[in-house]
Amino acid sequence: MKTSDILLLRVRLEEIHGKAFSTEGEPEVELRVLFRTKVVTDLEGIKKGDVFEARLYFSAHPSATSEPDFSIEVAGDFKILDEHVIKELTADPVAFEAASLLFPYVRSLAKPILENLGTANIEFPFHLPPPPSGAEGKPGSSKRKPRAKTKPKESTH
């Protein structure tokens, strides 16, 4: 599928959660991040011109804990412009391709919030990282677990 085979009609913020990252005495905070994509629409009987929903989830976890200190989920409504997309909608790469159109929204919302929560100068990619090898054929979840390093904000108090 090409992203030109679908049209992004609407973007919604489904969920956002954040708390301050504990960085006292740590010269550098290492974060484990997770990206997950999925198509959430029932695809039975879907045809050209119909709309489906895809979501992109991002979370950031301090290396010392398994619970995320920050998470965001953005949903998009997409119109099908080409019939061949219908057969591909249940495949993981299509969920990834659709969700890649949502990534700029996740990035523009998440980066400043993460920095205000104590992760200054975080290096956030400009595009959705590719799914790990072997993720093909697992409908509904493209997962990527890269690590990001950031320096804690310096306090001016």
C-alpha atoms as a PDB file:
ATOM      1  CA  MET A   1       0.000   0.000   0.000  1.00  0.00           C
ATOM      2  CA  LYS A   2       1.067   3.561  -0.675  1.00  0.00           C
ATOM      3  CA  THR A   3      -0.022   6.353   1.614  1.00  0.00           C
ATOM      4  CA  SER A   4      -1.606   7.988  -1.465  1.00  0.00           C
ATOM      5  CA  ASP A   5      -4.135   5.090  -1.505  1.00  0.00           C
ATOM      6  CA  ILE A   6      -5.769   6.458   1.658  1.00  0.00           C
ATOM      7  CA  LEU A   7      -6.771   9.950   2.770  1.00  0.00           C
ATOM      8  CA  LEU A   8      -6.422  11.160   6.363  1.00  0.00           C
ATOM      9  CA  LEU A   9      -9.732  12.857   7.185  1.00  0.00           C
ATOM     10  CA  ARG A  10      -9.479  13.520  10.932  1.00  0.00           C
ATOM     11  CA  VAL A  11      -7.007  13.208  13.800  1.00  0.00           C
ATOM     12  CA  ARG A  12      -8.029  12.746  17.448  1.00  0.00           C
ATOM     13  CA  LEU A  13      -6.123  12.563  20.693  1.00  0.00           C
ATOM     14  CA  GLU A  14      -7.483   9.395  22.342  1.00  0.00           C
ATOM     15  CA  GLU A  15      -5.355   9.261  25.488  1.00  0.00           C
ATOM     16  CA  ILE A  16      -2.443  11.042  27.104  1.00  0.00           C
ATOM     17  CA  HIS A  17      -0.736  10.340  30.419  1.00  0.00           C
ATOM     18  CA  GLY A  18       2.420  11.794  31.908  1.00  0.00           C
ATOM     19  CA  LYS A  19       4.293  12.279  35.143  1.00  0.00           C
ATOM     20  CA  ALA A  20       7.613  13.874  35.968  1.00  0.00           C
ATOM     21  CA  PHE A  21      10.680  11.776  35.284  1.00  0.00           C
ATOM     22  CA  SER A  22      12.837  11.319  38.357  1.00  0.00           C
ATOM     23  CA  THR A  23      16.296  12.522  37.371  1.00  0.00           C
ATOM     24  CA  GLU A  24      17.854  13.561  40.674  1.00  0.00           C
ATOM     25  CA  GLY A  25      21.520  12.664  40.746  1.00  0.00           C
ATOM     26  CA  GLU A  26      21.407  11.034  37.311  1.00  0.00           C
ATOM     27  CA  PRO A  27      23.629  12.643  34.673  1.00  0.00           C
ATOM     28  CA  GLU A  28      21.669  11.003  31.854  1.00  0.00           C
ATOM     29  CA  VAL A  29      18.259   9.360  31.712  1.00  0.00           C
ATOM     30  CA  GLU A  30      17.851   6.349  29.454  1.00  0.00           C
ATOM     31  CA  LEU A  31      14.334   5.737  28.198  1.00  0.00           C
ATOM     32  CA  ARG A  32      12.839   2.640  26.661  1.00  0.00           C
ATOM     33  CA  VAL A  33      10.206   3.693  24.147  1.00  0.00           C
ATOM     34  CA  LEU A  34       7.443   1.725  22.469  1.00  0.00           C
ATOM     35  CA  PHE A  35       5.489   2.475  19.304  1.00  0.00           C
ATOM     36  CA  ARG A  36       2.410   0.389  18.529  1.00  0.00           C
ATOM     37  CA  THR A  37       0.050   0.666  15.556  1.00  0.00           C
ATOM     38  CA  LYS A  38      -3.312  -0.918  14.897  1.00  0.00           C
ATOM     39  CA  VAL A  39      -6.410  -0.717  12.724  1.00  0.00           C
ATOM     40  CA  VAL A  40      -9.418  -0.716  15.066  1.00  0.00           C
ATOM     41  CA  THR A  41     -12.319  -0.653  12.589  1.00  0.00           C
ATOM     42  CA  ASP A  42     -14.351  -3.779  11.859  1.00  0.00           C
ATOM     43  CA  LEU A  43     -13.285  -4.406   8.263  1.00  0.00           C
ATOM     44  CA  GLU A  44     -16.103  -6.760   7.277  1.00  0.00           C
ATOM     45  CA  GLY A  45     -17.768  -5.457   4.103  1.00  0.00           C
ATOM     46  CA  ILE A  46     -15.534  -2.381   3.843  1.00  0.00           C
ATOM     47  CA  LYS A  47     -15.256  -0.913   0.323  1.00  0.00           C
ATOM     48  CA  LYS A  48     -13.689   1.937  -1.647  1.00  0.00           C
ATOM     49  CA  GLY A  49     -14.875   5.265  -0.230  1.00  0.00           C
ATOM     50  CA  ASP A  50     -15.430   3.855   3.273  1.00  0.00           C
ATOM     51  CA  VAL A  51     -13.589   5.122   6.334  1.00  0.00           C
ATOM     52  CA  PHE A  52     -11.446   3.090   8.746  1.00  0.00           C
ATOM     53  CA  GLU A  53      -9.696   4.065  11.971  1.00  0.00           C
ATOM     54  CA  ALA A  54      -6.013   3.481  12.722  1.00  0.00           C
ATOM     55  CA  ARG A  55      -4.185   4.357  15.923  1.00  0.00           C
ATOM     56  CA  LEU A  56      -0.614   5.111  16.911  1.00  0.00           C
ATOM     57  CA  TYR A  57       0.469   4.583  20.521  1.00  0.00           C
ATOM     58  CA  PHE A  58       3.749   5.858  21.971  1.00  0.00           C
ATOM     59  CA  SER A  59       5.092   5.335  25.483  1.00  0.00           C
ATOM     60  CA  ALA A  60       8.313   6.230  27.296  1.00  0.00           C
ATOM     61  CA  HIS A  61       9.579   4.094  30.170  1.00  0.00           C
ATOM     62  CA  PRO A  62      12.476   4.935  32.498  1.00  0.00           C
ATOM     63  CA  SER A  63      14.897   2.019  32.415  1.00  0.00           C
ATOM     64  CA  ALA A  64      14.272   1.329  36.125  1.00  0.00           C
ATOM     65  CA  THR A  65      10.524   0.692  35.776  1.00  0.00           C
ATOM     66  CA  SER A  66       8.167  -1.204  33.512  1.00  0.00           C
ATOM     67  CA  GLU A  67       5.282   1.287  33.782  1.00  0.00           C
ATOM     68  CA  PRO A  68       5.406   4.209  31.341  1.00  0.00           C
ATOM     69  CA  ASP A  69       5.987   7.687  32.733  1.00  0.00           C
ATOM     70  CA  PHE A  70       4.473   9.039  29.542  1.00  0.00           C
ATOM     71  CA  SER A  71       2.060   7.647  26.960  1.00  0.00           C
ATOM     72  CA  ILE A  72      -0.019   9.069  24.143  1.00  0.00           C
ATOM     73  CA  GLU A  73      -2.422   7.506  21.662  1.00  0.00           C
ATOM     74  CA  VAL A  74      -3.582   9.320  18.533  1.00  0.00           C
ATOM     75  CA  ALA A  75      -6.367   8.048  16.251  1.00  0.00           C
ATOM     76  CA  GLY A  76      -6.967   8.892  12.625  1.00  0.00           C
ATOM     77  CA  ASP A  77      -9.924   8.352  10.329  1.00  0.00           C
ATOM     78  CA  PHE A  78      -8.831   7.331   6.837  1.00  0.00           C
ATOM     79  CA  LYS A  79     -10.855   7.172   3.625  1.00  0.00           C
ATOM     80  CA  ILE A  80     -10.059   4.336   1.200  1.00  0.00           C
ATOM     81  CA  LEU A  81      -9.196   5.778  -2.222  1.00  0.00           C
ATOM     82  CA  ASP A  82      -8.128   2.583  -4.011  1.00  0.00           C
ATOM     83  CA  GLU A  83      -9.818  -0.832  -3.927  1.00  0.00           C
ATOM     84  CA  HIS A  84      -6.591  -2.853  -3.605  1.00  0.00           C
ATOM     85  CA  VAL A  85      -6.135  -1.391  -0.097  1.00  0.00           C
ATOM     86  CA  ILE A  86      -9.177  -3.349   1.133  1.00  0.00           C
ATOM     87  CA  LYS A  87      -7.387  -6.720   0.804  1.00  0.00           C
ATOM     88  CA  GLU A  88      -4.313  -5.331   2.562  1.00  0.00           C
ATOM     89  CA  LEU A  89      -6.056  -3.700   5.540  1.00  0.00           C
ATOM     90  CA  THR A  90      -5.663  -6.690   7.851  1.00  0.00           C
ATOM     91  CA  ALA A  91      -1.907  -6.911   7.240  1.00  0.00           C
ATOM     92  CA  ASP A  92       0.494  -5.337   9.727  1.00  0.00           C
ATOM     93  CA  PRO A  93       2.310  -3.212   7.104  1.00  0.00           C
ATOM     94  CA  VAL A  94      -0.949  -1.397   6.271  1.00  0.00           C
ATOM     95  CA  ALA A  95      -1.524  -0.512   9.921  1.00  0.00           C
ATOM     96  CA  PHE A  96       2.053   0.765  10.008  1.00  0.00           C
ATOM     97  CA  GLU A  97       1.663   2.799   6.798  1.00  0.00           C
ATOM     98  CA  ALA A  98      -1.593   4.393   7.971  1.00  0.00           C
ATOM     99  CA  ALA A  99      -0.203   5.134  11.424  1.00  0.00           C
ATOM    100  CA  SER A 100       2.918   6.691   9.892  1.00  0.00           C
ATOM    101  CA  LEU A 101       0.651   9.533   8.735  1.00  0.00           C
ATOM    102  CA  LEU A 102      -0.232  10.129  12.402  1.00  0.00           C
ATOM    103  CA  PHE A 103       3.396  10.277  13.562  1.00  0.00           C
ATOM    104  CA  PRO A 104       3.900  14.048  13.020  1.00  0.00           C
ATOM    105  CA  TYR A 105       0.971  14.692  15.368  1.00  0.00           C
ATOM    106  CA  VAL A 106       2.375  12.365  18.039  1.00  0.00           C
ATOM    107  CA  ARG A 107       5.812  13.953  17.708  1.00  0.00           C
ATOM    108  CA  SER A 108       4.536  17.541  17.919  1.00  0.00           C
ATOM    109  CA  LEU A 109       2.491  16.728  21.038  1.00  0.00           C
ATOM    110  CA  ALA A 110       4.895  14.350  22.809  1.00  0.00           C
ATOM    111  CA  LYS A 111       8.266  16.092  22.409  1.00  0.00           C
ATOM    112  CA  PRO A 112       7.465  19.331  24.314  1.00  0.00           C
ATOM    113  CA  ILE A 113       5.526  17.466  27.003  1.00  0.00           C
ATOM    114  CA  LEU A 114       8.399  15.005  27.538  1.00  0.00           C
ATOM    115  CA  GLU A 115      10.836  17.914  27.811  1.00  0.00           C
ATOM    116  CA  ASN A 116       8.616  19.620  30.398  1.00  0.00           C
ATOM    117  CA  LEU A 117       8.410  16.371  32.371  1.00  0.00           C
ATOM    118  CA  GLY A 118      12.188  16.384  32.804  1.00  0.00           C
ATOM    119  CA  THR A 119      13.717  14.923  29.654  1.00  0.00           C
ATOM    120  CA  ALA A 120      15.455  17.935  28.120  1.00  0.00           C
ATOM    121  CA  ASN A 121      16.787  17.753  24.584  1.00  0.00           C
ATOM    122  CA  ILE A 122      15.196  14.416  23.773  1.00  0.00           C
ATOM    123  CA  GLU A 123      16.103  13.184  20.306  1.00  0.00           C
ATOM    124  CA  PHE A 124      12.718  12.365  18.796  1.00  0.00           C
ATOM    125  CA  PRO A 125      12.823  10.927  15.258  1.00  0.00           C
ATOM    126  CA  PHE A 126      11.146  12.808  12.398  1.00  0.00           C
ATOM    127  CA  HIS A 127       9.436   9.656  11.112  1.00  0.00           C
ATOM    128  CA  LEU A 128       7.980   6.498  12.606  1.00  0.00           C
ATOM    129  CA  PRO A 129      10.739   3.920  13.182  1.00  0.00           C
ATOM    130  CA  PRO A 130      10.251   0.800  11.033  1.00  0.00           C
ATOM    131  CA  PRO A 131       8.660  -2.222  12.654  1.00  0.00           C
ATOM    132  CA  PRO A 132      11.176  -4.808  13.868  1.00  0.00           C
ATOM    133  CA  SER A 133      11.907  -7.716  11.560  1.00  0.00           C
ATOM    134  CA  GLY A 134       9.486 -10.570  12.097  1.00  0.00           C
ATOM    135  CA  ALA A 135       6.550  -8.261  12.893  1.00  0.00           C
ATOM    136  CA  GLU A 136       4.934  -9.014   9.529  1.00  0.00           C
ATOM    137  CA  GLY A 137       1.873 -11.187   9.730  1.00  0.00           C
ATOM    138  CA  LYS A 138       0.869 -10.058  13.225  1.00  0.00           C
ATOM    139  CA  PRO A 139      -2.203  -7.917  12.535  1.00  0.00           C
ATOM    140  CA  GLY A 140      -2.794  -4.932  14.736  1.00  0.00           C
ATOM    141  CA  SER A 141       0.559  -4.312  16.373  1.00  0.00           C
ATOM    142  CA  SER A 142       3.723  -2.908  14.871  1.00  0.00           C
ATOM    143  CA  LYS A 143       6.112  -2.644  17.783  1.00  0.00           C
ATOM    144  CA  ARG A 144       9.415  -0.847  18.047  1.00  0.00           C
ATOM    145  CA  LYS A 145      11.465  -0.608  21.231  1.00  0.00           C
ATOM    146  CA  PRO A 146      14.383   1.778  20.596  1.00  0.00           C
ATOM    147  CA  ARG A 147      16.246   3.471  23.397  1.00  0.00           C
ATOM    148  CA  ALA A 148      16.522   7.226  23.691  1.00  0.00           C
ATOM    149  CA  LYS A 149      19.072   9.060  25.788  1.00  0.00           C
ATOM    150  CA  THR A 150      18.446  12.485  27.163  1.00  0.00           C
ATOM    151  CA  LYS A 151      20.011  14.757  29.718  1.00  0.00           C
ATOM    152  CA  PRO A 152      17.881  15.970  32.619  1.00  0.00           C
ATOM    153  CA  LYS A 153      16.872  19.617  32.650  1.00  0.00           C
ATOM    154  CA  GLU A 154      19.027  21.905  34.696  1.00  0.00           C
ATOM    155  CA  SER A 155      17.070  23.671  37.401  1.00  0.00           C
ATOM    156  CA  THR A 156      17.262  27.454  37.573  1.00  0.00           C
ATOM    157  CA  HIS A 157      15.661  27.712  41.033  1.00  0.00           C
END
